[in-house]
Amino acid sequence: MAVGDKAEHKKWGTGTVVSIKGEGDSVELDIAFTPPTGIKRLFAKFAPITKA
């Protein structure tokens, strides 16, 4: 995943990656979903997301 990529989440739908922090197994993604969900910070390793 990279900033600007679209990500599909099973519960929140499609969002856009707005920032990436960390490396290896501790990568965190900030993904902007449509309101009212907003921005969510997710661990890439555990989040139920796929590149859309």
PDB file of N, CA and C in Angstrom:
ATOM      1  N   MET A   1       0.841  -1.191   0.000  1.00  0.00           N
ATOM      2  CA  MET A   1       0.000   0.000   0.000  1.00  0.00           C
ATOM      3  C   MET A   1       0.879   1.244   0.000  1.00  0.00           C
ATOM      4  N   ALA A   2       0.353   2.287  -0.615  1.00  0.00           N
ATOM      5  CA  ALA A   2       1.057   3.566  -0.669  1.00  0.00           C
ATOM      6  C   ALA A   2       0.033   4.685  -0.475  1.00  0.00           C
ATOM      7  N   VAL A   3       0.508   5.856  -0.071  1.00  0.00           N
ATOM      8  CA  VAL A   3      -0.381   7.000   0.091  1.00  0.00           C
ATOM      9  C   VAL A   3      -1.086   7.254  -1.236  1.00  0.00           C
ATOM     10  N   GLY A   4      -2.401   7.437  -1.150  1.00  0.00           N
ATOM     11  CA  GLY A   4      -3.210   7.664  -2.347  1.00  0.00           C
ATOM     12  C   GLY A   4      -3.899   6.414  -2.860  1.00  0.00           C
ATOM     13  N   ASP A   5      -3.452   5.230  -2.400  1.00  0.00           N
ATOM     14  CA  ASP A   5      -4.096   3.982  -2.814  1.00  0.00           C
ATOM     15  C   ASP A   5      -5.488   3.881  -2.218  1.00  0.00           C
ATOM     16  N   LYS A   6      -6.361   3.200  -2.925  1.00  0.00           N
ATOM     17  CA  LYS A   6      -7.699   2.899  -2.420  1.00  0.00           C
ATOM     18  C   LYS A   6      -7.627   1.574  -1.667  1.00  0.00           C
ATOM     19  N   ALA A   7      -8.316   1.530  -0.529  1.00  0.00           N
ATOM     20  CA  ALA A   7      -8.343   0.311   0.282  1.00  0.00           C
ATOM     21  C   ALA A   7      -9.796  -0.059   0.556  1.00  0.00           C
ATOM     22  N   GLU A   8     -10.082  -1.345   0.488  1.00  0.00           N
ATOM     23  CA  GLU A   8     -11.427  -1.852   0.736  1.00  0.00           C
ATOM     24  C   GLU A   8     -11.449  -2.537   2.099  1.00  0.00           C
ATOM     25  N   HIS A   9     -12.349  -2.080   2.978  1.00  0.00           N
ATOM     26  CA  HIS A   9     -12.504  -2.659   4.319  1.00  0.00           C
ATOM     27  C   HIS A   9     -13.863  -3.339   4.384  1.00  0.00           C
ATOM     28  N   LYS A  10     -13.923  -4.494   5.017  1.00  0.00           N
ATOM     29  CA  LYS A  10     -15.165  -5.275   5.048  1.00  0.00           C
ATOM     30  C   LYS A  10     -16.320  -4.539   5.711  1.00  0.00           C
ATOM     31  N   LYS A  11     -16.035  -3.734   6.726  1.00  0.00           N
ATOM     32  CA  LYS A  11     -17.102  -3.037   7.464  1.00  0.00           C
ATOM     33  C   LYS A  11     -17.316  -1.607   6.958  1.00  0.00           C
ATOM     34  N   TRP A  12     -16.227  -0.885   6.683  1.00  0.00           N
ATOM     35  CA  TRP A  12     -16.310   0.543   6.386  1.00  0.00           C
ATOM     36  C   TRP A  12     -16.312   0.882   4.909  1.00  0.00           C
ATOM     37  N   GLY A  13     -16.143  -0.087   4.027  1.00  0.00           N
ATOM     38  CA  GLY A  13     -16.176   0.167   2.592  1.00  0.00           C
ATOM     39  C   GLY A  13     -14.838   0.642   2.052  1.00  0.00           C
ATOM     40  N   THR A  14     -14.895   1.476   1.015  1.00  0.00           N
ATOM     41  CA  THR A  14     -13.679   1.937   0.340  1.00  0.00           C
ATOM     42  C   THR A  14     -13.192   3.252   0.927  1.00  0.00           C
ATOM     43  N   GLY A  15     -11.884   3.314   1.162  1.00  0.00           N
ATOM     44  CA  GLY A  15     -11.266   4.528   1.667  1.00  0.00           C
ATOM     45  C   GLY A  15      -9.960   4.785   0.935  1.00  0.00           C
ATOM     46  N   THR A  16      -9.338   5.916   1.261  1.00  0.00           N
ATOM     47  CA  THR A  16      -8.078   6.305   0.638  1.00  0.00           C
ATOM     48  C   THR A  16      -6.986   6.375   1.695  1.00  0.00           C
ATOM     49  N   VAL A  17      -5.835   5.755   1.427  1.00  0.00           N
ATOM     50  CA  VAL A  17      -4.701   5.805   2.352  1.00  0.00           C
ATOM     51  C   VAL A  17      -4.162   7.237   2.373  1.00  0.00           C
ATOM     52  N   VAL A  18      -4.133   7.855   3.571  1.00  0.00           N
ATOM     53  CA  VAL A  18      -3.650   9.235   3.682  1.00  0.00           C
ATOM     54  C   VAL A  18      -2.277   9.326   4.352  1.00  0.00           C
ATOM     55  N   SER A  19      -1.885   8.304   5.124  1.00  0.00           N
ATOM     56  CA  SER A  19      -0.523   8.282   5.657  1.00  0.00           C
ATOM     57  C   SER A  19      -0.143   6.867   6.058  1.00  0.00           C
ATOM     58  N   ILE A  20       1.178   6.639   6.071  1.00  0.00           N
ATOM     59  CA  ILE A  20       1.735   5.346   6.449  1.00  0.00           C
ATOM     60  C   ILE A  20       2.848   5.615   7.452  1.00  0.00           C
ATOM     61  N   LYS A  21       2.811   4.892   8.588  1.00  0.00           N
ATOM     62  CA  LYS A  21       3.837   5.059   9.620  1.00  0.00           C
ATOM     63  C   LYS A  21       4.368   3.692  10.010  1.00  0.00           C
ATOM     64  N   GLY A  22       5.635   3.660  10.405  1.00  0.00           N
ATOM     65  CA  GLY A  22       6.247   2.421  10.872  1.00  0.00           C
ATOM     66  C   GLY A  22       6.824   1.604   9.736  1.00  0.00           C
ATOM     67  N   GLU A  23       7.308   0.414  10.098  1.00  0.00           N
ATOM     68  CA  GLU A  23       7.900  -0.485   9.103  1.00  0.00           C
ATOM     69  C   GLU A  23       7.762  -1.923   9.570  1.00  0.00           C
ATOM     70  N   GLY A  24       7.951  -2.826   8.653  1.00  0.00           N
ATOM     71  CA  GLY A  24       7.849  -4.252   8.975  1.00  0.00           C
ATOM     72  C   GLY A  24       6.458  -4.630   9.440  1.00  0.00           C
ATOM     73  N   ASP A  25       6.390  -5.374  10.545  1.00  0.00           N
ATOM     74  CA  ASP A  25       5.111  -5.839  11.073  1.00  0.00           C
ATOM     75  C   ASP A  25       4.331  -4.755  11.810  1.00  0.00           C
ATOM     76  N   SER A  26       4.947  -3.583  12.040  1.00  0.00           N
ATOM     77  CA  SER A  26       4.264  -2.542  12.799  1.00  0.00           C
ATOM     78  C   SER A  26       3.805  -1.371  11.919  1.00  0.00           C
ATOM     79  N   VAL A  27       3.571  -1.626  10.632  1.00  0.00           N
ATOM     80  CA  VAL A  27       3.097  -0.568   9.736  1.00  0.00           C
ATOM     81  C   VAL A  27       1.656  -0.197  10.098  1.00  0.00           C
ATOM     82  N   GLU A  28       1.429   1.109  10.297  1.00  0.00           N
ATOM     83  CA  GLU A  28       0.089   1.631  10.561  1.00  0.00           C
ATOM     84  C   GLU A  28      -0.356   2.459   9.368  1.00  0.00           C
ATOM     85  N   LEU A  29      -1.594   2.254   8.962  1.00  0.00           N
ATOM     86  CA  LEU A  29      -2.167   3.012   7.854  1.00  0.00           C
ATOM     87  C   LEU A  29      -3.262   3.919   8.389  1.00  0.00           C
ATOM     88  N   ASP A  30      -3.244   5.186   7.991  1.00  0.00           N
ATOM     89  CA  ASP A  30      -4.373   6.076   8.243  1.00  0.00           C
ATOM     90  C   ASP A  30      -5.185   6.080   6.954  1.00  0.00           C
ATOM     91  N   ILE A  31      -6.435   5.644   7.057  1.00  0.00           N
ATOM     92  CA  ILE A  31      -7.292   5.531   5.884  1.00  0.00           C
ATOM     93  C   ILE A  31      -8.523   6.401   6.077  1.00  0.00           C
ATOM     94  N   ALA A  32      -8.791   7.270   5.100  1.00  0.00           N
ATOM     95  CA  ALA A  32      -9.947   8.165   5.147  1.00  0.00           C
ATOM     96  C   ALA A  32     -11.127   7.479   4.462  1.00  0.00           C
ATOM     97  N   PHE A  33     -12.142   7.170   5.271  1.00  0.00           N
ATOM     98  CA  PHE A  33     -13.378   6.584   4.754  1.00  0.00           C
ATOM     99  C   PHE A  33     -14.429   7.686   4.652  1.00  0.00           C
ATOM    100  N   THR A  34     -15.504   7.393   3.947  1.00  0.00           N
ATOM    101  CA  THR A  34     -16.566   8.386   3.804  1.00  0.00           C
ATOM    102  C   THR A  34     -17.245   8.644   5.150  1.00  0.00           C
ATOM    103  N   PRO A  35     -17.752   9.860   5.365  1.00  0.00           N
ATOM    104  CA  PRO A  35     -18.467  10.164   6.609  1.00  0.00           C
ATOM    105  C   PRO A  35     -19.658   9.227   6.757  1.00  0.00           C
ATOM    106  N   PRO A  36     -20.037   8.845   7.949  1.00  0.00           N
ATOM    107  CA  PRO A  36     -19.540   9.352   9.234  1.00  0.00           C
ATOM    108  C   PRO A  36     -18.330   8.591   9.778  1.00  0.00           C
ATOM    109  N   THR A  37     -17.791   7.640   9.031  1.00  0.00           N
ATOM    110  CA  THR A  37     -16.661   6.834   9.526  1.00  0.00           C
ATOM    111  C   THR A  37     -15.411   7.679   9.737  1.00  0.00           C
ATOM    112  N   GLY A  38     -15.022   8.484   8.751  1.00  0.00           N
ATOM    113  CA  GLY A  38     -13.857   9.353   8.879  1.00  0.00           C
ATOM    114  C   GLY A  38     -12.545   8.597   8.760  1.00  0.00           C
ATOM    115  N   ILE A  39     -11.511   9.153   9.373  1.00  0.00           N
ATOM    116  CA  ILE A  39     -10.168   8.564   9.289  1.00  0.00           C
ATOM    117  C   ILE A  39      -9.980   7.523  10.390  1.00  0.00           C
ATOM    118  N   LYS A  40      -9.489   6.366   9.984  1.00  0.00           N
ATOM    119  CA  LYS A  40      -9.201   5.271  10.918  1.00  0.00           C
ATOM    120  C   LYS A  40      -7.730   4.902  10.806  1.00  0.00           C
ATOM    121  N   ARG A  41      -7.091   4.622  11.948  1.00  0.00           N
ATOM    122  CA  ARG A  41      -5.706   4.153  11.964  1.00  0.00           C
ATOM    123  C   ARG A  41      -5.741   2.646  12.187  1.00  0.00           C
ATOM    124  N   LEU A  42      -5.158   1.909  11.257  1.00  0.00           N
ATOM    125  CA  LEU A  42      -5.210   0.452  11.288  1.00  0.00           C
ATOM    126  C   LEU A  42      -3.815  -0.140  11.147  1.00  0.00           C
ATOM    127  N   PHE A  43      -3.571  -1.240  11.849  1.00  0.00           N
ATOM    128  CA  PHE A  43      -2.327  -1.986  11.638  1.00  0.00           C
ATOM    129  C   PHE A  43      -2.483  -2.786  10.358  1.00  0.00           C
ATOM    130  N   ALA A  44      -1.601  -2.573   9.402  1.00  0.00           N
ATOM    131  CA  ALA A  44      -1.691  -3.229   8.107  1.00  0.00           C
ATOM    132  C   ALA A  44      -1.689  -4.751   8.242  1.00  0.00           C
ATOM    133  N   LYS A  45      -0.940  -5.256   9.213  1.00  0.00           N
ATOM    134  CA  LYS A  45      -0.804  -6.707   9.394  1.00  0.00           C
ATOM    135  C   LYS A  45      -2.128  -7.368   9.806  1.00  0.00           C
ATOM    136  N   PHE A  46      -2.950  -6.646  10.593  1.00  0.00           N
ATOM    137  CA  PHE A  46      -4.161  -7.256  11.163  1.00  0.00           C
ATOM    138  C   PHE A  46      -5.463  -6.765  10.535  1.00  0.00           C
ATOM    139  N   ALA A  47      -5.442  -5.629   9.879  1.00  0.00           N
ATOM    140  CA  ALA A  47      -6.683  -5.032   9.367  1.00  0.00           C
ATOM    141  C   ALA A  47      -7.281  -5.877   8.243  1.00  0.00           C
ATOM    142  N   PRO A  48      -8.616  -6.000   8.248  1.00  0.00           N
ATOM    143  CA  PRO A  48      -9.274  -6.752   7.159  1.00  0.00           C
ATOM    144  C   PRO A  48      -9.450  -5.850   5.929  1.00  0.00           C
ATOM    145  N   ILE A  49      -8.318  -5.479   5.303  1.00  0.00           N
ATOM    146  CA  ILE A  49      -8.371  -4.594   4.145  1.00  0.00           C
ATOM    147  C   ILE A  49      -7.674  -5.235   2.954  1.00  0.00           C
ATOM    148  N   THR A  50      -8.111  -4.846   1.769  1.00  0.00           N
ATOM    149  CA  THR A  50      -7.471  -5.258   0.536  1.00  0.00           C
ATOM    150  C   THR A  50      -7.323  -4.011  -0.337  1.00  0.00           C
ATOM    151  N   LYS A  51      -6.350  -4.035  -1.231  1.00  0.00           N
ATOM    152  CA  LYS A  51      -6.160  -2.911  -2.149  1.00  0.00           C
ATOM    153  C   LYS A  51      -7.302  -2.938  -3.161  1.00  0.00           C
ATOM    154  N   ALA A  52      -7.960  -1.792  -3.315  1.00  0.00           N
ATOM    155  CA  ALA A  52      -9.120  -1.717  -4.223  1.00  0.00           C
ATOM    156  C   ALA A  52      -8.704  -1.239  -5.592  1.00  0.00           C
TER     157      ALA A  52
END
